[in-house]
Amino acid sequence: MSSIYPMTRTEILVFDGVDELDAVAPFEILVAVGYQVALVTVEPCSAVTGAHGMTLTPHGVLGLPDLLIVTGGGWSTKAPESAWGELQRGVIPSAIADLHASGTRVAGVCTGAMLIAASGILKGRPAVTHRSALEDLRGFGVDVHQEARVVDDGDVLTSGGVTSGIDLALHLIEIDRGRDAALQEAARIEYDFGGLVLRTRATG
């Protein structure tokens, strides 16, 4: 399917321990409607091993995309190869802060919201993450909305547990290309696009 709309340069940030669905679901959905999407790592890396053993081959390193999707994974394990481990390392949160300051729209899937929170850009703002990390998210001074599948706060969006990455991708399509485009893609993947979206700022 080719899009009549301008393509949006999108990068999906992955790391060892990423939850595979956090990356794969938005990738498929956004590519299908014409977004330019790349899987990237924050530092050069030939392969990433997901939380469930899938090997992902990044297209390159983090650049300056229009849209950055930050994945999560393994938060509750507190393993070095997880979103928790990446938060401790600090490289990804720092990169997120720099990109956001440069005008990149940032979106988080699942505990990717924790990496966004660690960047400082969610303080005092509404957001959601996987239920296992809601209290940790509050610890960063975030206004947590656990009732929402997706929280749209304009230049920063977050989504809840793993499958809400589907809702996030469809919501991004709706913002950028209209409701009909989002519903068409939802029909293609046979998904009931009815998840609760909390919009706090006017978009589109």
N, C-alpha and C. Protein backbone atom coordinates (compact mmCIF):
# COMPACT_ATOMS: atom_id res chain seq x y z
N MET A 1 0.85 -1.19 0.00
CA MET A 1 0.00 0.00 0.00
C MET A 1 0.88 1.24 0.00
N SER A 2 0.66 2.13 -0.95
CA SER A 2 1.42 3.37 -0.97
C SER A 2 0.55 4.49 -0.44
N SER A 3 1.18 5.45 0.22
CA SER A 3 0.45 6.53 0.83
C SER A 3 0.49 7.77 -0.04
N ILE A 4 -0.62 8.52 -0.06
CA ILE A 4 -0.64 9.80 -0.78
C ILE A 4 -0.11 10.91 0.10
N TYR A 5 0.18 10.58 1.36
CA TYR A 5 0.67 11.56 2.31
C TYR A 5 2.19 11.56 2.34
N PRO A 6 2.79 12.68 2.74
CA PRO A 6 4.25 12.71 2.90
C PRO A 6 4.69 11.65 3.90
N MET A 7 5.80 11.01 3.63
CA MET A 7 6.29 9.98 4.52
C MET A 7 6.91 10.61 5.77
N THR A 8 6.73 9.93 6.89
CA THR A 8 7.28 10.39 8.15
C THR A 8 8.48 9.53 8.51
N ARG A 9 9.64 10.16 8.68
CA ARG A 9 10.85 9.42 9.04
C ARG A 9 10.73 8.97 10.49
N THR A 10 10.66 7.67 10.65
CA THR A 10 10.42 7.09 11.97
C THR A 10 11.54 6.12 12.32
N GLU A 11 12.02 6.22 13.54
CA GLU A 11 13.01 5.26 14.03
C GLU A 11 12.46 4.60 15.28
N ILE A 12 12.60 3.28 15.32
CA ILE A 12 12.17 2.48 16.47
C ILE A 12 13.42 2.02 17.19
N LEU A 13 13.59 2.50 18.42
CA LEU A 13 14.81 2.24 19.17
C LEU A 13 14.72 0.91 19.91
N VAL A 14 15.67 0.02 19.63
CA VAL A 14 15.68 -1.30 20.25
C VAL A 14 17.01 -1.54 20.98
N PHE A 15 17.01 -2.55 21.83
CA PHE A 15 18.17 -2.87 22.66
C PHE A 15 18.05 -4.33 23.09
N ASP A 16 19.14 -4.91 23.59
CA ASP A 16 19.07 -6.28 24.08
C ASP A 16 18.06 -6.37 25.22
N GLY A 17 17.14 -7.34 25.11
CA GLY A 17 16.10 -7.49 26.11
C GLY A 17 14.81 -6.80 25.75
N VAL A 18 14.74 -6.17 24.58
CA VAL A 18 13.52 -5.51 24.14
C VAL A 18 12.41 -6.54 24.01
N ASP A 19 11.20 -6.14 24.34
CA ASP A 19 10.06 -7.00 24.06
C ASP A 19 9.79 -6.92 22.57
N GLU A 20 9.88 -8.05 21.91
CA GLU A 20 9.82 -8.07 20.45
C GLU A 20 8.57 -7.40 19.89
N LEU A 21 7.41 -7.63 20.52
CA LEU A 21 6.18 -7.07 20.00
C LEU A 21 6.16 -5.55 20.08
N ASP A 22 6.88 -4.99 21.06
CA ASP A 22 6.98 -3.52 21.16
C ASP A 22 7.53 -2.92 19.88
N ALA A 23 8.44 -3.63 19.25
CA ALA A 23 9.08 -3.13 18.03
C ALA A 23 8.37 -3.59 16.76
N VAL A 24 8.04 -4.87 16.72
CA VAL A 24 7.53 -5.47 15.48
C VAL A 24 6.13 -4.96 15.13
N ALA A 25 5.26 -4.81 16.13
CA ALA A 25 3.88 -4.37 15.83
C ALA A 25 3.85 -2.95 15.24
N PRO A 26 4.45 -1.95 15.89
CA PRO A 26 4.46 -0.62 15.26
C PRO A 26 5.18 -0.60 13.92
N PHE A 27 6.25 -1.38 13.81
CA PHE A 27 7.01 -1.42 12.55
C PHE A 27 6.10 -1.84 11.40
N GLU A 28 5.42 -2.97 11.55
CA GLU A 28 4.57 -3.47 10.47
C GLU A 28 3.46 -2.48 10.12
N ILE A 29 2.79 -1.98 11.14
CA ILE A 29 1.64 -1.11 10.93
C ILE A 29 2.04 0.19 10.24
N LEU A 30 3.12 0.81 10.69
CA LEU A 30 3.53 2.09 10.11
C LEU A 30 4.11 1.93 8.71
N VAL A 31 4.89 0.87 8.49
CA VAL A 31 5.43 0.62 7.15
C VAL A 31 4.29 0.40 6.16
N ALA A 32 3.25 -0.29 6.60
CA ALA A 32 2.15 -0.64 5.71
C ALA A 32 1.43 0.58 5.15
N VAL A 33 1.47 1.70 5.88
CA VAL A 33 0.79 2.91 5.38
C VAL A 33 1.75 3.94 4.82
N GLY A 34 3.03 3.57 4.67
CA GLY A 34 3.94 4.44 3.96
C GLY A 34 4.94 5.23 4.77
N TYR A 35 4.98 5.00 6.09
CA TYR A 35 6.02 5.65 6.88
C TYR A 35 7.38 5.05 6.52
N GLN A 36 8.41 5.85 6.56
CA GLN A 36 9.78 5.36 6.43
C GLN A 36 10.22 4.94 7.83
N VAL A 37 10.39 3.66 8.05
CA VAL A 37 10.65 3.15 9.40
C VAL A 37 11.95 2.36 9.43
N ALA A 38 12.76 2.62 10.44
CA ALA A 38 14.00 1.87 10.63
C ALA A 38 14.10 1.43 12.09
N LEU A 39 14.61 0.21 12.28
CA LEU A 39 14.97 -0.24 13.62
C LEU A 39 16.38 0.26 13.89
N VAL A 40 16.59 0.93 15.01
CA VAL A 40 17.90 1.50 15.30
C VAL A 40 18.33 1.18 16.72
N THR A 41 19.62 1.27 16.94
CA THR A 41 20.19 1.16 18.28
C THR A 41 20.89 2.48 18.61
N VAL A 42 21.13 2.71 19.88
CA VAL A 42 21.74 3.97 20.28
C VAL A 42 23.24 4.00 19.97
N GLU A 43 23.83 2.82 19.87
CA GLU A 43 25.24 2.66 19.51
C GLU A 43 25.34 1.58 18.44
N PRO A 44 26.39 1.58 17.61
CA PRO A 44 26.51 0.56 16.56
C PRO A 44 26.38 -0.86 17.11
N CYS A 45 25.57 -1.66 16.43
CA CYS A 45 25.29 -3.02 16.91
C CYS A 45 24.82 -3.85 15.73
N SER A 46 25.38 -5.04 15.55
CA SER A 46 25.01 -5.87 14.40
C SER A 46 23.71 -6.64 14.61
N ALA A 47 23.35 -6.90 15.86
CA ALA A 47 22.13 -7.65 16.15
C ALA A 47 21.69 -7.38 17.58
N VAL A 48 20.39 -7.48 17.78
CA VAL A 48 19.79 -7.32 19.10
C VAL A 48 19.02 -8.58 19.43
N THR A 49 19.15 -9.07 20.65
CA THR A 49 18.41 -10.24 21.08
C THR A 49 17.25 -9.80 21.96
N GLY A 50 16.03 -10.16 21.55
CA GLY A 50 14.85 -9.76 22.28
C GLY A 50 14.65 -10.57 23.55
N ALA A 51 13.68 -10.15 24.34
CA ALA A 51 13.40 -10.78 25.62
C ALA A 51 12.99 -12.24 25.48
N HIS A 52 12.44 -12.61 24.32
CA HIS A 52 11.98 -13.98 24.11
C HIS A 52 12.84 -14.73 23.10
N GLY A 53 14.02 -14.18 22.83
CA GLY A 53 14.98 -14.90 22.01
C GLY A 53 15.02 -14.55 20.53
N MET A 54 14.14 -13.70 20.07
CA MET A 54 14.16 -13.30 18.66
C MET A 54 15.38 -12.42 18.39
N THR A 55 16.04 -12.65 17.28
CA THR A 55 17.16 -11.82 16.87
C THR A 55 16.68 -10.76 15.88
N LEU A 56 16.94 -9.51 16.20
CA LEU A 56 16.57 -8.40 15.34
C LEU A 56 17.83 -7.78 14.76
N THR A 57 17.79 -7.46 13.48
CA THR A 57 18.93 -6.83 12.82
C THR A 57 18.63 -5.36 12.61
N PRO A 58 19.27 -4.47 13.35
CA PRO A 58 19.00 -3.03 13.20
C PRO A 58 19.41 -2.53 11.82
N HIS A 59 18.73 -1.50 11.38
CA HIS A 59 19.08 -0.88 10.10
C HIS A 59 20.23 0.11 10.26
N GLY A 60 20.48 0.53 11.48
CA GLY A 60 21.54 1.50 11.72
C GLY A 60 21.47 2.06 13.12
N VAL A 61 22.12 3.19 13.31
CA VAL A 61 22.12 3.83 14.62
C VAL A 61 21.15 5.00 14.63
N LEU A 62 20.80 5.41 15.83
CA LEU A 62 19.86 6.50 16.04
C LEU A 62 20.31 7.76 15.31
N GLY A 63 19.37 8.35 14.56
CA GLY A 63 19.67 9.57 13.84
C GLY A 63 18.85 10.73 14.37
N LEU A 64 18.23 11.47 13.44
CA LEU A 64 17.37 12.60 13.82
C LEU A 64 16.03 12.43 13.12
N PRO A 65 15.21 11.51 13.62
CA PRO A 65 13.94 11.22 12.96
C PRO A 65 12.86 12.25 13.29
N ASP A 66 11.79 12.24 12.49
CA ASP A 66 10.61 13.04 12.81
C ASP A 66 9.90 12.44 14.02
N LEU A 67 9.89 11.11 14.08
CA LEU A 67 9.22 10.38 15.15
C LEU A 67 10.15 9.30 15.69
N LEU A 68 10.33 9.29 16.99
CA LEU A 68 11.12 8.26 17.65
C LEU A 68 10.18 7.41 18.51
N ILE A 69 10.18 6.11 18.27
CA ILE A 69 9.40 5.18 19.09
C ILE A 69 10.37 4.44 19.99
N VAL A 70 10.15 4.57 21.29
CA VAL A 70 11.03 3.94 22.28
C VAL A 70 10.35 2.70 22.81
N THR A 71 10.99 1.56 22.64
CA THR A 71 10.43 0.29 23.08
C THR A 71 10.79 0.01 24.54
N GLY A 72 10.15 -0.99 25.10
CA GLY A 72 10.46 -1.42 26.47
C GLY A 72 10.76 -2.91 26.49
N GLY A 73 10.74 -3.46 27.68
CA GLY A 73 10.97 -4.89 27.81
C GLY A 73 11.75 -5.27 29.04
N GLY A 74 11.28 -6.29 29.75
CA GLY A 74 12.02 -6.86 30.86
C GLY A 74 12.15 -5.98 32.09
N TRP A 75 11.29 -4.98 32.23
CA TRP A 75 11.44 -4.05 33.35
C TRP A 75 11.46 -4.76 34.69
N SER A 76 10.52 -5.66 34.90
CA SER A 76 10.40 -6.30 36.22
C SER A 76 11.53 -7.27 36.52
N THR A 77 12.29 -7.68 35.49
CA THR A 77 13.39 -8.61 35.73
C THR A 77 14.60 -7.92 36.35
N LYS A 78 14.70 -6.61 36.15
CA LYS A 78 15.85 -5.82 36.61
C LYS A 78 17.16 -6.37 36.06
N ALA A 79 17.08 -6.98 34.88
CA ALA A 79 18.27 -7.55 34.24
C ALA A 79 19.04 -6.45 33.51
N PRO A 80 20.35 -6.64 33.34
CA PRO A 80 21.13 -5.64 32.57
C PRO A 80 20.61 -5.48 31.15
N GLU A 81 20.12 -6.59 30.55
CA GLU A 81 19.57 -6.55 29.20
C GLU A 81 18.06 -6.35 29.30
N SER A 82 17.65 -5.13 29.51
CA SER A 82 16.24 -4.79 29.67
C SER A 82 16.09 -3.28 29.65
N ALA A 83 14.84 -2.82 29.63
CA ALA A 83 14.62 -1.38 29.73
C ALA A 83 15.17 -0.85 31.05
N TRP A 84 15.03 -1.63 32.11
CA TRP A 84 15.58 -1.22 33.42
C TRP A 84 17.08 -1.05 33.33
N GLY A 85 17.75 -2.01 32.69
CA GLY A 85 19.19 -1.94 32.54
C GLY A 85 19.62 -0.74 31.73
N GLU A 86 18.85 -0.43 30.66
CA GLU A 86 19.17 0.73 29.83
C GLU A 86 18.95 2.03 30.59
N LEU A 87 17.97 2.05 31.48
CA LEU A 87 17.77 3.24 32.30
C LEU A 87 18.97 3.46 33.22
N GLN A 88 19.48 2.36 33.80
CA GLN A 88 20.65 2.48 34.68
C GLN A 88 21.86 2.99 33.91
N ARG A 89 22.00 2.55 32.67
CA ARG A 89 23.14 2.95 31.85
C ARG A 89 23.06 4.44 31.49
N GLY A 90 21.86 4.89 31.21
CA GLY A 90 21.65 6.32 30.98
C GLY A 90 21.86 6.83 29.58
N VAL A 91 22.39 6.01 28.69
CA VAL A 91 22.70 6.50 27.34
C VAL A 91 21.42 6.80 26.56
N ILE A 92 20.46 5.89 26.61
CA ILE A 92 19.21 6.09 25.87
C ILE A 92 18.42 7.29 26.41
N PRO A 93 18.21 7.41 27.72
CA PRO A 93 17.50 8.61 28.21
C PRO A 93 18.14 9.92 27.76
N SER A 94 19.46 9.98 27.78
CA SER A 94 20.16 11.18 27.35
C SER A 94 19.89 11.47 25.87
N ALA A 95 19.92 10.42 25.06
CA ALA A 95 19.67 10.58 23.63
C ALA A 95 18.24 11.05 23.37
N ILE A 96 17.29 10.51 24.15
CA ILE A 96 15.89 10.92 24.00
C ILE A 96 15.74 12.41 24.30
N ALA A 97 16.36 12.85 25.39
CA ALA A 97 16.27 14.27 25.76
C ALA A 97 16.82 15.16 24.65
N ASP A 98 17.94 14.77 24.06
CA ASP A 98 18.56 15.57 22.99
C ASP A 98 17.66 15.63 21.76
N LEU A 99 17.09 14.48 21.38
CA LEU A 99 16.24 14.46 20.20
C LEU A 99 14.97 15.27 20.41
N HIS A 100 14.38 15.13 21.58
CA HIS A 100 13.16 15.88 21.88
C HIS A 100 13.45 17.39 21.81
N ALA A 101 14.58 17.80 22.35
CA ALA A 101 14.96 19.21 22.31
C ALA A 101 15.17 19.69 20.88
N SER A 102 15.50 18.77 19.99
CA SER A 102 15.73 19.11 18.58
C SER A 102 14.45 19.11 17.76
N GLY A 103 13.32 18.75 18.40
CA GLY A 103 12.04 18.79 17.71
C GLY A 103 11.46 17.45 17.32
N THR A 104 12.11 16.35 17.69
CA THR A 104 11.58 15.03 17.39
C THR A 104 10.39 14.71 18.28
N ARG A 105 9.33 14.20 17.68
CA ARG A 105 8.18 13.70 18.46
C ARG A 105 8.58 12.34 19.03
N VAL A 106 8.27 12.12 20.29
CA VAL A 106 8.70 10.91 20.98
C VAL A 106 7.48 10.10 21.41
N ALA A 107 7.51 8.80 21.17
CA ALA A 107 6.42 7.91 21.57
C ALA A 107 7.00 6.68 22.26
N GLY A 108 6.37 6.27 23.34
CA GLY A 108 6.85 5.11 24.08
C GLY A 108 5.86 3.96 24.03
N VAL A 109 6.39 2.76 23.89
CA VAL A 109 5.59 1.54 23.97
C VAL A 109 5.93 0.83 25.27
N CYS A 110 4.92 0.50 26.06
CA CYS A 110 5.12 -0.28 27.27
C CYS A 110 6.13 0.44 28.19
N THR A 111 7.15 -0.28 28.68
CA THR A 111 8.11 0.35 29.59
C THR A 111 9.14 1.20 28.87
N GLY A 112 8.97 1.39 27.59
CA GLY A 112 9.73 2.43 26.91
C GLY A 112 9.43 3.78 27.54
N ALA A 113 8.24 3.90 28.14
CA ALA A 113 7.88 5.14 28.84
C ALA A 113 8.82 5.42 30.00
N MET A 114 9.39 4.37 30.59
CA MET A 114 10.32 4.58 31.70
C MET A 114 11.61 5.23 31.21
N LEU A 115 12.05 4.85 30.02
CA LEU A 115 13.25 5.46 29.45
C LEU A 115 12.97 6.92 29.07
N ILE A 116 11.75 7.19 28.61
CA ILE A 116 11.38 8.57 28.31
C ILE A 116 11.31 9.38 29.60
N ALA A 117 10.72 8.80 30.64
CA ALA A 117 10.63 9.50 31.93
C ALA A 117 12.01 9.83 32.47
N ALA A 118 12.94 8.89 32.31
CA ALA A 118 14.31 9.11 32.80
C ALA A 118 15.01 10.23 32.05
N SER A 119 14.52 10.56 30.86
CA SER A 119 15.11 11.66 30.09
C SER A 119 14.72 13.02 30.67
N GLY A 120 13.69 13.02 31.50
CA GLY A 120 13.23 14.27 32.11
C GLY A 120 12.08 14.95 31.41
N ILE A 121 11.71 14.47 30.23
CA ILE A 121 10.70 15.19 29.46
C ILE A 121 9.26 14.86 29.85
N LEU A 122 9.07 13.89 30.74
CA LEU A 122 7.71 13.56 31.18
C LEU A 122 7.36 14.15 32.54
N LYS A 123 8.26 14.83 33.18
CA LYS A 123 7.98 15.34 34.52
C LYS A 123 6.80 16.30 34.49
N GLY A 124 5.79 16.01 35.33
CA GLY A 124 4.61 16.83 35.41
C GLY A 124 3.63 16.63 34.28
N ARG A 125 3.90 15.68 33.40
CA ARG A 125 3.05 15.46 32.23
C ARG A 125 2.32 14.13 32.35
N PRO A 126 1.20 13.97 31.66
CA PRO A 126 0.44 12.72 31.71
C PRO A 126 1.10 11.64 30.87
N ALA A 127 1.03 10.40 31.34
CA ALA A 127 1.62 9.28 30.62
C ALA A 127 1.08 7.98 31.18
N VAL A 128 1.40 6.90 30.50
CA VAL A 128 1.04 5.56 30.95
C VAL A 128 2.18 4.62 30.57
N THR A 129 2.24 3.49 31.22
CA THR A 129 3.22 2.45 30.90
C THR A 129 2.63 1.10 31.28
N HIS A 130 3.43 0.06 31.18
CA HIS A 130 2.98 -1.27 31.61
C HIS A 130 2.62 -1.23 33.08
N ARG A 131 1.61 -1.98 33.45
CA ARG A 131 1.11 -1.93 34.84
C ARG A 131 2.18 -2.28 35.86
N SER A 132 3.18 -3.07 35.47
CA SER A 132 4.23 -3.46 36.42
C SER A 132 5.15 -2.29 36.78
N ALA A 133 5.06 -1.20 36.02
CA ALA A 133 5.98 -0.08 36.24
C ALA A 133 5.26 1.22 36.57
N LEU A 134 3.97 1.16 36.85
CA LEU A 134 3.20 2.38 37.09
C LEU A 134 3.74 3.18 38.27
N GLU A 135 4.05 2.49 39.37
CA GLU A 135 4.56 3.21 40.54
C GLU A 135 5.95 3.79 40.28
N ASP A 136 6.75 3.06 39.52
CA ASP A 136 8.06 3.59 39.15
C ASP A 136 7.91 4.84 38.29
N LEU A 137 6.91 4.84 37.42
CA LEU A 137 6.67 6.01 36.58
C LEU A 137 6.27 7.21 37.43
N ARG A 138 5.43 6.98 38.41
CA ARG A 138 5.05 8.06 39.33
C ARG A 138 6.27 8.63 40.04
N GLY A 139 7.24 7.77 40.30
CA GLY A 139 8.45 8.21 40.97
C GLY A 139 9.25 9.24 40.20
N PHE A 140 8.97 9.36 38.91
CA PHE A 140 9.63 10.37 38.08
C PHE A 140 8.80 11.65 37.99
N GLY A 141 7.78 11.77 38.83
CA GLY A 141 6.97 12.98 38.83
C GLY A 141 5.98 13.05 37.68
N VAL A 142 5.60 11.88 37.17
CA VAL A 142 4.69 11.81 36.03
C VAL A 142 3.24 11.70 36.51
N ASP A 143 2.34 12.33 35.79
CA ASP A 143 0.91 12.23 36.05
C ASP A 143 0.40 10.96 35.37
N VAL A 144 0.32 9.88 36.11
CA VAL A 144 0.04 8.56 35.54
C VAL A 144 -1.46 8.37 35.29
N HIS A 145 -1.79 7.89 34.09
CA HIS A 145 -3.18 7.59 33.71
C HIS A 145 -3.27 6.12 33.32
N GLN A 146 -3.40 5.27 34.33
CA GLN A 146 -3.38 3.83 34.09
C GLN A 146 -4.63 3.34 33.38
N GLU A 147 -5.67 4.18 33.28
CA GLU A 147 -6.90 3.77 32.60
C GLU A 147 -6.78 3.84 31.09
N ALA A 148 -5.74 4.49 30.59
CA ALA A 148 -5.60 4.73 29.16
C ALA A 148 -4.74 3.68 28.48
N ARG A 149 -5.09 3.35 27.27
CA ARG A 149 -4.22 2.52 26.43
C ARG A 149 -3.11 3.38 25.83
N VAL A 150 -3.47 4.59 25.45
CA VAL A 150 -2.53 5.54 24.87
C VAL A 150 -2.76 6.90 25.51
N VAL A 151 -1.70 7.58 25.86
CA VAL A 151 -1.79 8.96 26.32
C VAL A 151 -1.08 9.84 25.30
N ASP A 152 -1.83 10.75 24.71
CA ASP A 152 -1.32 11.65 23.69
C ASP A 152 -1.16 13.03 24.31
N ASP A 153 0.06 13.44 24.56
CA ASP A 153 0.32 14.76 25.12
C ASP A 153 1.06 15.63 24.09
N GLY A 154 0.64 15.48 22.86
CA GLY A 154 1.20 16.30 21.79
C GLY A 154 2.53 15.78 21.28
N ASP A 155 3.62 16.37 21.74
CA ASP A 155 4.94 15.97 21.24
C ASP A 155 5.50 14.74 21.93
N VAL A 156 4.80 14.26 22.96
CA VAL A 156 5.20 13.02 23.65
C VAL A 156 3.96 12.16 23.83
N LEU A 157 4.06 10.91 23.39
CA LEU A 157 2.96 9.95 23.54
C LEU A 157 3.49 8.71 24.25
N THR A 158 2.63 8.08 25.02
CA THR A 158 3.01 6.84 25.69
C THR A 158 1.86 5.85 25.56
N SER A 159 2.18 4.57 25.75
CA SER A 159 1.14 3.55 25.70
C SER A 159 1.41 2.51 26.77
N GLY A 160 0.37 1.75 27.09
CA GLY A 160 0.45 0.80 28.19
C GLY A 160 1.18 -0.48 27.85
N GLY A 161 0.65 -1.60 28.31
CA GLY A 161 1.30 -2.90 28.12
C GLY A 161 1.47 -3.27 26.67
N VAL A 162 2.18 -4.34 26.45
CA VAL A 162 2.75 -4.71 25.14
C VAL A 162 1.84 -4.48 23.94
N THR A 163 0.62 -5.02 23.97
CA THR A 163 -0.23 -4.91 22.78
C THR A 163 -0.71 -3.49 22.52
N SER A 164 -0.58 -2.60 23.47
CA SER A 164 -1.01 -1.22 23.25
C SER A 164 -0.12 -0.51 22.24
N GLY A 165 1.00 -1.11 21.89
CA GLY A 165 1.81 -0.57 20.80
C GLY A 165 1.05 -0.56 19.49
N ILE A 166 0.10 -1.49 19.35
CA ILE A 166 -0.76 -1.51 18.17
C ILE A 166 -1.66 -0.27 18.18
N ASP A 167 -2.27 -0.01 19.34
CA ASP A 167 -3.13 1.18 19.48
C ASP A 167 -2.33 2.45 19.22
N LEU A 168 -1.10 2.48 19.74
CA LEU A 168 -0.25 3.65 19.55
C LEU A 168 0.00 3.90 18.06
N ALA A 169 0.38 2.86 17.34
CA ALA A 169 0.66 3.01 15.91
C ALA A 169 -0.57 3.47 15.15
N LEU A 170 -1.72 2.88 15.45
CA LEU A 170 -2.95 3.29 14.77
C LEU A 170 -3.34 4.72 15.13
N HIS A 171 -3.10 5.10 16.37
CA HIS A 171 -3.39 6.48 16.78
C HIS A 171 -2.47 7.47 16.06
N LEU A 172 -1.21 7.12 15.90
CA LEU A 172 -0.29 7.98 15.15
C LEU A 172 -0.77 8.16 13.71
N ILE A 173 -1.25 7.08 13.12
CA ILE A 173 -1.78 7.18 11.76
C ILE A 173 -2.99 8.10 11.73
N GLU A 174 -3.85 7.97 12.74
CA GLU A 174 -5.03 8.83 12.79
C GLU A 174 -4.65 10.31 12.90
N ILE A 175 -3.66 10.60 13.75
CA ILE A 175 -3.19 11.99 13.90
C ILE A 175 -2.65 12.51 12.57
N ASP A 176 -1.78 11.72 11.96
CA ASP A 176 -1.04 12.18 10.79
C ASP A 176 -1.83 12.11 9.50
N ARG A 177 -2.74 11.11 9.40
CA ARG A 177 -3.35 10.83 8.10
C ARG A 177 -4.86 10.68 8.13
N GLY A 178 -5.43 10.82 9.32
CA GLY A 178 -6.89 10.81 9.41
C GLY A 178 -7.47 9.50 9.91
N ARG A 179 -8.68 9.61 10.41
CA ARG A 179 -9.37 8.47 11.00
C ARG A 179 -9.58 7.34 10.00
N ASP A 180 -9.94 7.69 8.77
CA ASP A 180 -10.20 6.65 7.77
C ASP A 180 -8.96 5.81 7.51
N ALA A 181 -7.79 6.44 7.45
CA ALA A 181 -6.55 5.70 7.22
C ALA A 181 -6.27 4.75 8.37
N ALA A 182 -6.53 5.21 9.61
CA ALA A 182 -6.31 4.36 10.77
C ALA A 182 -7.27 3.18 10.77
N LEU A 183 -8.52 3.43 10.45
CA LEU A 183 -9.51 2.35 10.44
C LEU A 183 -9.23 1.36 9.32
N GLN A 184 -8.72 1.86 8.19
CA GLN A 184 -8.38 0.96 7.08
C GLN A 184 -7.26 0.02 7.49
N GLU A 185 -6.25 0.56 8.17
CA GLU A 185 -5.15 -0.29 8.61
C GLU A 185 -5.60 -1.25 9.70
N ALA A 186 -6.46 -0.78 10.60
CA ALA A 186 -7.00 -1.67 11.64
C ALA A 186 -7.77 -2.83 11.02
N ALA A 187 -8.50 -2.55 9.96
CA ALA A 187 -9.24 -3.61 9.27
C ALA A 187 -8.27 -4.59 8.61
N ARG A 188 -7.19 -4.08 8.05
CA ARG A 188 -6.21 -4.96 7.40
C ARG A 188 -5.64 -5.97 8.37
N ILE A 189 -5.33 -5.52 9.60
CA ILE A 189 -4.74 -6.44 10.58
C ILE A 189 -5.80 -7.08 11.48
N GLU A 190 -7.08 -6.82 11.15
CA GLU A 190 -8.22 -7.39 11.88
C GLU A 190 -8.12 -7.08 13.37
N TYR A 191 -7.98 -5.78 13.66
CA TYR A 191 -7.83 -5.31 15.03
C TYR A 191 -8.95 -4.34 15.36
N ASP A 192 -9.54 -4.49 16.52
CA ASP A 192 -10.61 -3.60 16.97
C ASP A 192 -9.97 -2.36 17.57
N PHE A 193 -9.90 -1.31 16.78
CA PHE A 193 -9.25 -0.08 17.20
C PHE A 193 -10.21 0.73 18.06
N GLY A 194 -10.40 0.27 19.30
CA GLY A 194 -11.32 0.94 20.18
C GLY A 194 -10.71 1.24 21.54
N GLY A 195 -9.39 1.06 21.65
CA GLY A 195 -8.72 1.29 22.91
C GLY A 195 -8.84 2.74 23.37
N LEU A 196 -8.84 2.94 24.67
CA LEU A 196 -9.01 4.27 25.22
C LEU A 196 -7.77 5.12 24.98
N VAL A 197 -7.96 6.23 24.31
CA VAL A 197 -6.89 7.20 24.08
C VAL A 197 -7.21 8.46 24.87
N LEU A 198 -6.28 8.89 25.68
CA LEU A 198 -6.43 10.14 26.43
C LEU A 198 -5.65 11.22 25.69
N ARG A 199 -6.34 12.20 25.15
CA ARG A 199 -5.69 13.33 24.47
C ARG A 199 -5.68 14.52 25.42
N THR A 200 -4.51 15.05 25.67
CA THR A 200 -4.40 16.19 26.58
C THR A 200 -4.07 17.47 25.85
N ARG A 201 -3.66 17.36 24.60
CA ARG A 201 -3.34 18.54 23.80
C ARG A 201 -3.94 18.38 22.42
N ALA A 202 -4.27 19.49 21.80
CA ALA A 202 -4.80 19.45 20.45
C ALA A 202 -3.71 19.01 19.49
N THR A 203 -4.02 18.05 18.62
CA THR A 203 -3.06 17.59 17.61
C THR A 203 -3.76 17.49 16.28
N GLY A 204 -2.99 17.72 15.24
CA GLY A 204 -3.52 17.54 13.90
C GLY A 204 -4.54 18.59 13.49
